Amino acid sequence: MRLPRFLLPLCLSLLSACASLPPPAPVSAGVENFALAGRLSVRQGEMRHHVGISWRHEAARDEIFLSGPLGQGLAELTRDAPGARLLTSARTVVTAPDSESLAERALGARLPLSNLPRWVVAVPPEPTFDVDGWRIEVREVADGRPALIELRRDDIEAVLRIDSWTP
Protein backbone atom coordinates (compact mmCIF):
# COMPACT_ATOMS: atom_id res chain seq x y z
CA MET A 1 0.00 0.00 0.00
CA ARG A 2 1.59 3.30 -1.16
CA LEU A 3 0.08 6.58 0.06
CA PRO A 4 0.84 10.09 -1.23
CA ARG A 5 3.66 11.58 0.85
CA PHE A 6 1.60 14.38 2.47
CA LEU A 7 -1.33 12.10 3.31
CA LEU A 8 0.58 9.33 5.06
CA PRO A 9 1.17 11.33 8.27
CA LEU A 10 -2.44 12.52 8.29
CA CYS A 11 -3.84 9.05 7.81
CA LEU A 12 -1.68 7.46 10.45
CA SER A 13 -2.12 10.23 12.98
CA LEU A 14 -5.84 9.79 12.74
CA LEU A 15 -5.59 6.06 13.07
CA SER A 16 -3.16 6.21 15.94
CA ALA A 17 -5.30 8.65 17.81
CA CYS A 18 -8.42 6.62 17.29
CA ALA A 19 -7.12 3.16 17.84
CA SER A 20 -7.11 3.03 21.63
CA LEU A 21 -10.22 0.88 21.89
CA PRO A 22 -11.91 -1.68 19.70
CA PRO A 23 -14.72 -0.06 17.70
CA PRO A 24 -17.65 0.92 19.91
CA ALA A 25 -21.00 2.15 18.64
CA PRO A 26 -20.85 5.39 16.61
CA VAL A 27 -20.23 8.46 18.70
CA SER A 28 -20.98 12.13 18.78
CA ALA A 29 -23.06 12.78 21.84
CA GLY A 30 -21.62 11.70 25.16
CA VAL A 31 -17.94 12.18 24.34
CA GLU A 32 -16.39 15.06 26.18
CA ASN A 33 -14.88 18.07 24.50
CA PHE A 34 -11.10 17.94 24.56
CA ALA A 35 -7.89 19.16 23.02
CA LEU A 36 -4.71 17.16 22.76
CA ALA A 37 -1.23 17.75 21.43
CA GLY A 38 1.47 15.25 20.66
CA ARG A 39 3.98 13.84 18.23
CA LEU A 40 3.64 11.24 15.53
CA SER A 41 6.37 9.16 13.92
CA VAL A 42 5.50 7.20 10.80
CA ARG A 43 7.58 4.76 8.81
CA GLN A 44 6.63 3.11 5.54
CA GLY A 45 9.50 1.17 4.02
CA GLU A 46 12.40 3.63 3.81
CA MET A 47 10.14 6.69 4.10
CA ARG A 48 9.99 8.32 7.54
CA HIS A 49 7.89 11.21 8.84
CA HIS A 50 7.89 12.99 12.18
CA VAL A 51 5.04 15.45 12.74
CA GLY A 52 3.32 17.30 15.52
CA ILE A 53 -0.41 16.80 16.00
CA SER A 54 -2.90 19.14 17.60
CA TRP A 55 -6.53 18.00 17.85
CA ARG A 56 -9.51 19.96 19.14
CA HIS A 57 -12.73 17.98 19.52
CA GLU A 58 -16.28 19.15 20.18
CA ALA A 59 -19.46 17.15 19.59
CA ALA A 60 -20.22 19.07 16.37
CA ARG A 61 -16.67 19.72 15.15
CA ASP A 62 -13.16 18.30 14.99
CA GLU A 63 -10.02 20.16 13.97
CA ILE A 64 -6.77 18.25 13.53
CA PHE A 65 -3.58 20.10 12.60
CA LEU A 66 -0.34 18.42 11.57
CA SER A 67 2.91 20.37 11.74
CA GLY A 68 6.53 19.79 10.79
CA PRO A 69 9.50 19.78 13.16
CA LEU A 70 9.78 23.58 13.08
CA GLY A 71 6.05 24.10 13.59
CA GLN A 72 5.11 24.79 9.96
CA GLY A 73 1.64 23.58 8.98
CA LEU A 74 1.49 20.42 6.87
CA ALA A 75 -2.21 19.55 6.80
CA GLU A 76 -5.52 20.37 8.45
CA LEU A 77 -8.51 18.06 8.77
CA THR A 78 -11.87 19.53 9.73
CA ARG A 79 -15.13 17.70 10.40
CA ASP A 80 -18.41 19.55 11.03
CA ALA A 81 -22.08 19.47 9.98
CA PRO A 82 -21.41 20.18 6.26
CA GLY A 83 -18.87 17.34 6.07
CA ALA A 84 -15.15 16.65 6.24
CA ARG A 85 -12.33 18.63 4.61
CA LEU A 86 -8.61 18.09 4.18
CA LEU A 87 -6.41 21.12 3.45
CA THR A 88 -2.77 20.41 2.62
CA SER A 89 0.20 22.77 2.88
CA ALA A 90 0.02 23.05 -0.93
CA ARG A 91 -3.50 24.50 -0.41
CA THR A 92 -5.11 21.45 -2.01
CA VAL A 93 -8.60 20.84 -0.61
CA VAL A 94 -10.36 17.47 -0.56
CA THR A 95 -13.97 17.32 0.68
CA ALA A 96 -16.47 14.60 1.47
CA PRO A 97 -19.75 14.17 3.37
CA ASP A 98 -18.00 12.46 6.32
CA SER A 99 -14.56 11.42 7.60
CA GLU A 100 -14.75 7.87 6.27
CA SER A 101 -15.66 9.09 2.78
CA LEU A 102 -12.87 11.68 2.95
CA ALA A 103 -10.33 8.98 3.79
CA GLU A 104 -11.62 6.85 0.94
CA ARG A 105 -11.47 9.77 -1.50
CA ALA A 106 -8.03 11.02 -0.39
CA LEU A 107 -6.33 7.75 0.49
CA GLY A 108 -8.22 5.08 -1.41
CA ALA A 109 -9.18 3.29 1.81
CA ARG A 110 -12.17 3.70 4.08
CA LEU A 111 -10.93 4.25 7.64
CA PRO A 112 -12.99 4.07 10.87
CA LEU A 113 -12.62 7.77 11.72
CA SER A 114 -16.04 8.71 13.11
CA ASN A 115 -15.24 6.96 16.40
CA LEU A 116 -11.96 8.82 16.95
CA PRO A 117 -13.20 10.86 19.91
CA ARG A 118 -14.46 7.88 21.89
CA TRP A 119 -11.39 5.77 21.17
CA VAL A 120 -8.85 8.34 22.34
CA VAL A 121 -10.51 9.26 25.66
CA ALA A 122 -10.20 5.87 27.38
CA VAL A 123 -7.71 3.07 27.93
CA PRO A 124 -8.76 -0.17 26.19
CA PRO A 125 -9.56 -3.30 28.20
CA GLU A 126 -6.70 -5.09 26.39
CA PRO A 127 -3.49 -3.18 25.55
CA THR A 128 -3.02 -4.97 22.20
CA PHE A 129 -5.77 -5.58 19.65
CA ASP A 130 -6.59 -5.51 15.93
CA VAL A 131 -8.86 -3.02 14.16
CA ASP A 132 -9.50 -3.14 10.40
CA GLY A 133 -6.19 -4.83 9.67
CA TRP A 134 -4.19 -2.59 12.04
CA ARG A 135 -2.35 -4.08 15.02
CA ILE A 136 -2.67 -1.52 17.82
CA GLU A 137 -0.78 -1.50 21.10
CA VAL A 138 -1.23 1.01 23.92
CA ARG A 139 2.31 1.12 25.36
CA GLU A 140 1.86 3.84 28.00
CA VAL A 141 -1.03 5.34 29.95
CA ALA A 142 -1.08 8.70 31.74
CA ASP A 143 -3.95 10.07 33.83
CA GLY A 144 -6.19 7.20 32.71
CA ARG A 145 -5.78 7.95 29.00
CA PRO A 146 -3.56 6.46 26.28
CA ALA A 147 -0.22 8.32 26.15
CA LEU A 148 1.83 6.18 23.74
CA ILE A 149 0.18 4.16 20.98
CA GLU A 150 1.90 1.99 18.37
CA LEU A 151 0.23 0.84 15.15
CA ARG A 152 1.31 -1.63 12.49
CA ARG A 153 -0.20 -2.63 9.18
CA ASP A 154 1.67 -4.17 6.25
CA ASP A 155 4.90 -2.16 5.92
CA ILE A 156 3.55 0.86 7.85
CA GLU A 157 4.46 1.55 11.47
CA ALA A 158 3.31 4.57 13.47
CA VAL A 159 3.88 5.78 17.01
CA LEU A 160 1.72 8.47 18.60
CA ARG A 161 2.91 10.20 21.77
CA ILE A 162 0.21 12.31 23.43
CA ASP A 163 2.07 15.04 25.31
CA SER A 164 -0.83 17.09 26.66
CA TRP A 165 -4.53 16.73 27.19
CA THR A 166 -7.03 19.46 28.01
CA PRO A 167 -10.67 18.70 28.83
Foldseek 3Di string as FASTA:
>chain_A
DDAPPLCVVVVVVLCQLQVQAADDPFDQPPFDWKKFKWWKWKDFPPDIAIWIWIWTDHSFKIWIWIAHPVRHTAWIWMQGCQEIWIQGPVRDIQTDRYDQVSCCVRGVHRDPRRRSRVNFAAHYPDQWDDYPQKIKGQPDDDPRGRAWMWIDHDRMIMIIGTDDMGD
